[in-house]
Structure formats: structure tokens, C-alpha cells
Amino acid sequence: MGFQKQGFKWLSGLLFLNILVLSRADIQHYDFFLQESQFTKLCSTKNILTVNGSFPGPEIRARRGDTVFVNVHNQGNSAVSMKWEGVQDSNELIQPGRNFTYKIELNNEIGTLWWHATSAWASATVHGAFVVLPAANEDYPFPTPDSDKAIIIGEWFRQELTEANQTIAPGQADAYTIDGHPGETNGCSNDTTFEYQVDYQGLYLVRVINAVNESMVFGIASHSLTIVGQSGAYSRRSFTNSLTLAPHQVVDVLFCANQNVGHYYITARPSSDTTRSTTGILRYTTTSSLV
């Protein structure tokens, strides 16, 4: 009988918490415009399909329990459908010149998810982060970071990607990117490098998204990482110097900017090839450490 009472109290508390979260839930609206945009990378210029003219696409931010409406306007030349990883499946094919509004209801998802076009050729450039923050009355189950940032590992192809590229095999990319930047390892002086600015002794939550169809290794030189979440859920904390992410996997990590003030390489490379990597820069912006 005592066990039944305890079980009832626990269930009642859980229901109360969920009701409290839902009562404070909000509604978010986003407009996504699928359009051809011109980009120059690897010393050549081409058109790619983008959302709102950016690569990667815009970030969605909401809180646990929110409802998100995303109105997708297809101003491109091909039919496209969208996938909201870990939240909702949809087979809605949006024809050129048409639009469709997705309704995404967040329940227990927390942390980082991502969205992308469903076809391989479009997904290479049409993707972005989907961040689900704690509800207004909730705290993180780990030390609260000073700030957070989503970092997307992607890939770049010199060739034009069209409907004819229905499959893209792992390893076919001409370069890998960190948040759309190919870095300084490809021999093209015009290529941009991703830069992440931090303050000395700051605590940062990095949401690493592998948008590549192969396993990728991610790391920050001289900094250890604490894994706190994966693919829209909190996880037991574990410690590592680098991450190996399966295709399309998402991992949330904490790190402390506790090294000597300076700059440190951020790297991403295929797990199967140590010679092909892309680099970014972690740059300290204050000089309060003892060097």
C-alpha cells in the first residue's frame, strides 16, 4: 500500500511538472525561403540551394513545451521536403512556387536537434540547428553555461548539386566545413575560417551537429569536453578530448576556457581519413589569465 502511495505521489508530481511546463509554453513562428544563392568556396563560384540565403541555414530556438510553426516557401527550381530530426516526420513535398507550414510540437525534447531537406543533394546545403532550451521554470541539470553555440560540421562540393545527385556517397566531398567555412587547409586564399570567441574562465555549451553522411571526429586543441546531451536528450556526463560523431548525430558538450589566453585550433575530419580535415579557431578575447 505504501509503495502504491509513493508511486501515486511520484506520478502526480510528474503530471504537475508537465502541466506547469505546458502552461508556460509559447508559440514560435519562422519563415524559411528556399532559394538559389551564389557562394564562392575552394576558389570557385556556384549556385546552391539555401534557406534565407545562408549556409548553413537559420537556427530555430524554442523552449521545451513550445509549439513551432515553420512556413517553408519554395522559391527554388525543384520540389523539396523537410525533415525535423527527432521531432516530426513529414512527407510533404513542396513544389516550386508553393509553400507549406509545418507545425512542430515540442514535448520532452531538450538540448539540440537539427533540420534538413530530405533528399541528399538538397540536404548538403539546406540544413540548420534546432535548439530546445529548458522551459522558463527549468534549470540545466549541469552548471549553467555563460553562453551556448551550435556548430555544424558540413561538406562542400565543387560540382553543382541537383536532383540528378540523388545519392552522395561518403567521402565524395571536396572539402569539409565548420559552420559553412572550409578553413585554411584547402589551398585557396579566399576561403574563410570559422572563429569562435570566448572569455577566459568562461563556461560554454557547444552543440555539435554532424550534417555529413559519414563519421566525423571533432575536437578543440588543449581543451577537454564534457558530454551532457545527445540528439535532443540529456545524457550521463562523460569526459573526452575529442568526439566521434556518427552520421547525422548531435552531441552537446561543455568546455571551460581555462587555458592560456591565445588561440587554439578547432578541427573536424572523417574518422576514416586523418589527412582530410578542416580547421577553425577558438580565440580568447580577454587577457586576465596568468601566462
Protein backbone atom coordinates (compact mmCIF):
# COMPACT_ATOMS: atom_id res chain seq x y z
CA MET A 1 0.00 0.00 0.00
CA GLY A 2 2.91 2.34 0.88
CA PHE A 3 4.53 1.62 -2.48
CA GLN A 4 1.27 2.47 -4.26
CA LYS A 5 1.05 5.78 -2.38
CA GLN A 6 4.64 6.66 -3.26
CA GLY A 7 4.03 5.75 -6.90
CA PHE A 8 0.92 7.91 -6.94
CA LYS A 9 2.80 10.87 -5.43
CA TRP A 10 5.63 10.50 -7.97
CA LEU A 11 3.16 10.30 -10.88
CA SER A 12 1.22 13.28 -9.54
CA GLY A 13 4.42 15.31 -9.25
CA LEU A 14 5.41 14.43 -12.82
CA LEU A 15 1.99 15.37 -14.13
CA PHE A 16 2.12 18.65 -12.21
CA LEU A 17 5.55 19.46 -13.68
CA ASN A 18 4.35 18.75 -17.22
CA ILE A 19 1.23 20.86 -16.70
CA LEU A 20 3.41 23.68 -15.35
CA VAL A 21 5.72 23.49 -18.38
CA LEU A 22 2.81 23.45 -20.83
CA SER A 23 1.10 26.34 -19.06
CA ARG A 24 4.19 28.48 -19.71
CA ALA A 25 4.71 27.24 -23.27
CA ASP A 26 4.96 29.71 -26.11
CA ILE A 27 4.32 29.73 -29.86
CA GLN A 28 7.20 30.46 -32.24
CA HIS A 29 6.92 31.40 -35.92
CA TYR A 30 9.62 31.09 -38.58
CA ASP A 31 9.64 31.78 -42.32
CA PHE A 32 12.02 29.70 -44.45
CA PHE A 33 12.58 30.79 -48.06
CA LEU A 34 14.19 28.11 -50.21
CA GLN A 35 16.19 29.97 -52.86
CA GLU A 36 19.22 29.67 -55.12
CA SER A 37 22.17 31.67 -53.76
CA GLN A 38 25.68 32.22 -55.09
CA PHE A 39 28.66 31.20 -52.95
CA THR A 40 32.40 31.18 -53.59
CA LYS A 41 34.46 28.48 -51.90
CA LEU A 42 37.53 26.47 -52.92
CA CYS A 43 38.40 29.19 -55.46
CA SER A 44 35.23 28.68 -57.50
CA THR A 45 31.73 30.16 -57.53
CA LYS A 46 28.46 28.28 -57.93
CA ASN A 47 24.76 28.43 -57.05
CA ILE A 48 23.46 26.35 -54.18
CA LEU A 49 20.01 25.85 -52.69
CA THR A 50 19.77 27.68 -49.35
CA VAL A 51 17.27 28.75 -46.73
CA ASN A 52 17.07 32.55 -46.46
CA GLY A 53 20.30 32.86 -48.44
CA SER A 54 22.55 31.39 -45.75
CA PHE A 55 24.74 28.28 -45.46
CA PRO A 56 24.14 26.68 -43.03
CA GLY A 57 20.54 27.73 -42.71
CA PRO A 58 18.94 29.75 -39.87
CA GLU A 59 18.81 28.40 -36.36
CA ILE A 60 15.49 27.64 -34.69
CA ARG A 61 15.34 28.38 -30.96
CA ALA A 62 12.47 27.39 -28.72
CA ARG A 63 11.81 26.11 -25.21
CA ARG A 64 10.63 22.73 -24.06
CA GLY A 65 6.86 22.56 -24.46
CA ASP A 66 6.69 25.26 -27.14
CA THR A 67 4.90 24.91 -30.46
CA VAL A 68 6.90 25.98 -33.52
CA PHE A 69 5.36 26.88 -36.88
CA VAL A 70 7.76 26.95 -39.84
CA ASN A 71 6.33 28.29 -43.10
CA VAL A 72 8.56 26.99 -45.92
CA HIS A 73 8.31 28.93 -49.20
CA ASN A 74 9.89 27.10 -52.13
CA GLN A 75 11.40 29.71 -54.44
CA GLY A 76 13.82 27.17 -55.95
CA ASN A 77 13.59 25.09 -59.10
CA SER A 78 12.88 21.66 -57.61
CA ALA A 79 10.36 20.11 -55.23
CA VAL A 80 11.73 19.80 -51.69
CA SER A 81 10.52 18.27 -48.44
CA MET A 82 11.89 18.95 -44.97
CA LYS A 83 12.74 16.72 -42.01
CA TRP A 84 12.82 17.81 -38.38
CA GLU A 85 15.17 15.25 -36.81
CA GLY A 86 13.96 13.79 -33.55
CA VAL A 87 10.71 15.73 -33.58
CA GLN A 88 8.49 15.10 -36.56
CA ASP A 89 8.42 13.17 -39.82
CA SER A 90 6.66 14.64 -42.82
CA ASN A 91 6.37 13.50 -46.41
CA GLU A 92 5.02 16.84 -47.60
CA LEU A 93 6.65 17.64 -50.95
CA ILE A 94 6.69 21.38 -51.58
CA GLN A 95 6.60 22.19 -55.28
CA PRO A 96 8.38 25.27 -56.72
CA GLY A 97 6.28 28.38 -56.19
CA ARG A 98 4.32 26.81 -53.32
CA ASN A 99 4.61 26.94 -49.55
CA PHE A 100 3.74 24.69 -46.65
CA THR A 101 3.58 25.37 -42.89
CA TYR A 102 4.96 22.70 -40.56
CA LYS A 103 3.60 22.51 -37.02
CA ILE A 104 6.18 21.14 -34.58
CA GLU A 105 5.01 20.42 -31.04
CA LEU A 106 7.82 20.06 -28.54
CA ASN A 107 7.17 17.77 -25.60
CA ASN A 108 10.08 16.10 -23.81
CA GLU A 109 12.77 17.08 -26.32
CA ILE A 110 15.60 19.08 -24.75
CA GLY A 111 19.01 20.15 -25.96
CA THR A 112 19.91 20.08 -29.63
CA LEU A 113 18.21 18.69 -32.73
CA TRP A 114 18.56 19.73 -36.35
CA TRP A 115 16.52 20.13 -39.51
CA HIS A 116 17.38 19.43 -43.16
CA ALA A 117 15.98 18.74 -46.60
CA THR A 118 15.18 15.08 -47.09
CA SER A 119 16.98 14.49 -50.40
CA ALA A 120 20.75 14.05 -50.29
CA TRP A 121 21.55 16.71 -52.88
CA ALA A 122 19.46 19.40 -51.14
CA SER A 123 20.42 18.38 -47.59
CA ALA A 124 24.10 19.13 -48.33
CA THR A 125 23.31 22.87 -48.18
CA VAL A 126 19.77 23.04 -46.72
CA HIS A 127 20.18 22.33 -43.00
CA GLY A 128 20.41 24.07 -39.66
CA ALA A 129 20.30 23.73 -35.88
CA PHE A 130 17.12 23.28 -33.83
CA VAL A 131 17.86 24.31 -30.25
CA VAL A 132 15.41 23.38 -27.48
CA LEU A 133 16.14 25.32 -24.30
CA PRO A 134 14.78 24.40 -20.86
CA ALA A 135 11.29 25.68 -20.12
CA ALA A 136 11.05 29.07 -18.42
CA ASN A 137 10.80 27.47 -14.96
CA GLU A 138 13.53 24.86 -15.53
CA ASP A 139 17.29 24.82 -14.98
CA TYR A 140 20.02 22.86 -16.71
CA PRO A 141 20.96 19.63 -14.86
CA PHE A 142 24.60 20.78 -15.08
CA PRO A 143 26.39 24.08 -14.37
CA THR A 144 24.70 26.89 -16.30
CA PRO A 145 26.91 27.93 -19.24
CA ASP A 146 27.80 31.56 -19.87
CA SER A 147 26.60 31.08 -23.45
CA ASP A 148 25.90 28.34 -25.96
CA LYS A 149 26.61 27.86 -29.65
CA ALA A 150 25.63 25.36 -32.32
CA ILE A 151 28.48 24.24 -34.59
CA ILE A 152 27.58 22.34 -37.75
CA ILE A 153 30.08 20.07 -39.47
CA GLY A 154 29.23 20.09 -43.16
CA GLU A 155 30.72 19.38 -46.57
CA TRP A 156 31.30 21.25 -49.81
CA PHE A 157 31.18 20.01 -53.40
CA ARG A 158 32.69 21.82 -56.37
CA GLN A 159 30.11 20.23 -58.67
CA GLU A 160 26.57 21.54 -58.94
CA LEU A 161 24.18 19.56 -56.75
CA THR A 162 20.83 18.91 -58.42
CA GLU A 163 18.09 16.30 -58.46
CA ALA A 164 20.43 14.16 -60.56
CA ASN A 165 22.56 13.68 -57.41
CA GLN A 166 20.04 11.50 -55.61
CA THR A 167 22.77 9.76 -53.62
CA ILE A 168 26.00 11.19 -52.30
CA ALA A 169 28.44 8.54 -51.12
CA PRO A 170 30.59 9.17 -48.05
CA GLY A 171 33.97 10.66 -48.88
CA GLN A 172 32.88 12.35 -52.12
CA ALA A 173 33.05 15.90 -50.72
CA ASP A 174 35.81 18.17 -51.97
CA ALA A 175 36.10 19.76 -48.53
CA TYR A 176 34.56 19.72 -45.08
CA THR A 177 33.23 22.82 -43.38
CA ILE A 178 32.71 24.17 -39.86
CA ASP A 179 29.60 26.32 -39.87
CA GLY A 180 29.98 26.77 -43.64
CA HIS A 181 33.67 27.74 -43.53
CA PRO A 182 36.15 25.43 -45.30
CA GLY A 183 39.11 26.79 -43.33
CA GLU A 184 42.72 27.22 -44.34
CA THR A 185 43.63 23.65 -45.33
CA ASN A 186 42.39 23.65 -48.93
CA GLY A 187 44.97 25.92 -50.58
CA CYS A 188 42.59 28.74 -51.53
CA SER A 189 43.48 32.16 -50.10
CA ASN A 190 39.89 33.42 -50.38
CA ASP A 191 38.41 30.70 -48.17
CA THR A 192 37.08 31.80 -44.80
CA THR A 193 37.83 30.21 -41.43
CA PHE A 194 35.32 29.69 -38.63
CA GLU A 195 36.18 31.67 -35.49
CA TYR A 196 34.68 31.23 -32.03
CA GLN A 197 35.45 33.94 -29.46
CA VAL A 198 35.44 33.10 -25.74
CA ASP A 199 36.33 34.81 -22.48
CA TYR A 200 38.96 33.42 -20.15
CA GLN A 201 37.41 31.12 -17.50
CA GLY A 202 34.05 31.19 -19.27
CA LEU A 203 31.92 28.04 -19.39
CA TYR A 204 30.47 27.24 -22.82
CA LEU A 205 27.88 24.80 -24.13
CA VAL A 206 28.70 23.70 -27.68
CA ARG A 207 26.05 21.91 -29.72
CA VAL A 208 27.97 19.86 -32.31
CA ILE A 209 25.90 18.67 -35.29
CA ASN A 210 27.32 16.24 -37.83
CA ALA A 211 25.45 17.03 -41.05
CA VAL A 212 27.80 14.76 -43.03
CA ASN A 213 26.90 11.26 -44.19
CA GLU A 214 29.99 9.74 -42.56
CA SER A 215 31.53 9.56 -39.10
CA MET A 216 33.44 12.70 -38.15
CA VAL A 217 35.93 13.49 -35.38
CA PHE A 218 35.65 16.89 -33.66
CA GLY A 219 37.96 18.48 -31.13
CA ILE A 220 39.33 21.70 -29.64
CA ALA A 221 43.08 21.69 -29.10
CA SER A 222 44.16 21.64 -25.42
CA HIS A 223 40.56 21.67 -24.15
CA SER A 224 38.66 18.77 -22.63
CA LEU A 225 34.98 18.26 -23.39
CA THR A 226 32.20 17.12 -21.07
CA ILE A 227 29.34 15.36 -22.87
CA VAL A 228 25.98 16.39 -21.37
CA GLY A 229 23.44 15.54 -24.09
CA GLN A 230 22.81 13.74 -27.35
CA SER A 231 20.17 14.15 -30.06
CA GLY A 232 17.55 16.03 -28.09
CA ALA A 233 18.02 14.49 -24.64
CA TYR A 234 20.28 14.91 -21.64
CA SER A 235 22.82 12.16 -21.08
CA ARG A 236 25.04 10.96 -18.27
CA ARG A 237 28.11 13.16 -18.13
CA SER A 238 31.30 11.77 -19.61
CA PHE A 239 34.67 13.30 -20.41
CA THR A 240 36.72 13.22 -23.58
CA ASN A 241 39.36 15.11 -25.55
CA SER A 242 37.53 14.64 -28.85
CA LEU A 243 34.16 13.48 -30.21
CA THR A 244 33.49 10.84 -32.82
CA LEU A 245 30.06 11.56 -34.24
CA ALA A 246 28.12 9.05 -36.31
CA PRO A 247 26.46 10.36 -39.50
CA HIS A 248 23.80 12.95 -38.56
CA GLN A 249 24.50 12.60 -34.83
CA VAL A 250 24.22 15.56 -32.44
CA VAL A 251 26.24 15.87 -29.21
CA ASP A 252 26.12 18.64 -26.59
CA VAL A 253 29.36 19.34 -24.73
CA LEU A 254 30.57 21.74 -22.05
CA PHE A 255 34.07 23.15 -22.02
CA CYS A 256 35.84 25.71 -19.88
CA ALA A 257 38.08 28.34 -21.47
CA ASN A 258 40.80 27.79 -18.87
CA GLN A 259 43.94 27.66 -20.99
CA ASN A 260 46.50 30.39 -21.55
CA VAL A 261 45.00 33.30 -23.45
CA GLY A 262 45.61 32.85 -27.17
CA HIS A 263 44.01 30.91 -29.99
CA TYR A 264 43.53 27.18 -30.44
CA TYR A 265 42.55 25.06 -33.43
CA ILE A 266 39.09 23.58 -33.74
CA THR A 267 39.25 20.55 -36.04
CA ALA A 268 36.82 18.28 -37.85
CA ARG A 269 37.82 15.33 -40.02
CA PRO A 270 36.46 12.00 -41.22
CA SER A 271 37.16 9.17 -38.79
CA SER A 272 38.40 7.08 -41.73
CA ASP A 273 40.92 9.62 -43.06
CA THR A 274 43.35 11.59 -40.88
CA THR A 275 44.67 13.57 -43.86
CA ARG A 276 41.44 15.39 -44.76
CA SER A 277 40.43 17.91 -42.15
CA THR A 278 39.02 21.37 -41.76
CA THR A 279 40.04 23.82 -39.08
CA GLY A 280 38.52 26.71 -37.17
CA ILE A 281 39.89 28.99 -34.46
CA LEU A 282 38.93 29.25 -30.79
CA ARG A 283 40.08 32.73 -29.80
CA TYR A 284 40.28 34.12 -26.27
CA THR A 285 39.14 37.75 -26.16
CA THR A 286 40.35 38.80 -22.69
CA THR A 287 43.79 38.75 -21.10
CA SER A 288 43.06 38.07 -17.46
CA SER A 289 44.94 34.76 -17.21
CA LEU A 290 48.43 34.35 -15.83
CA VAL A 291 50.59 33.38 -18.79
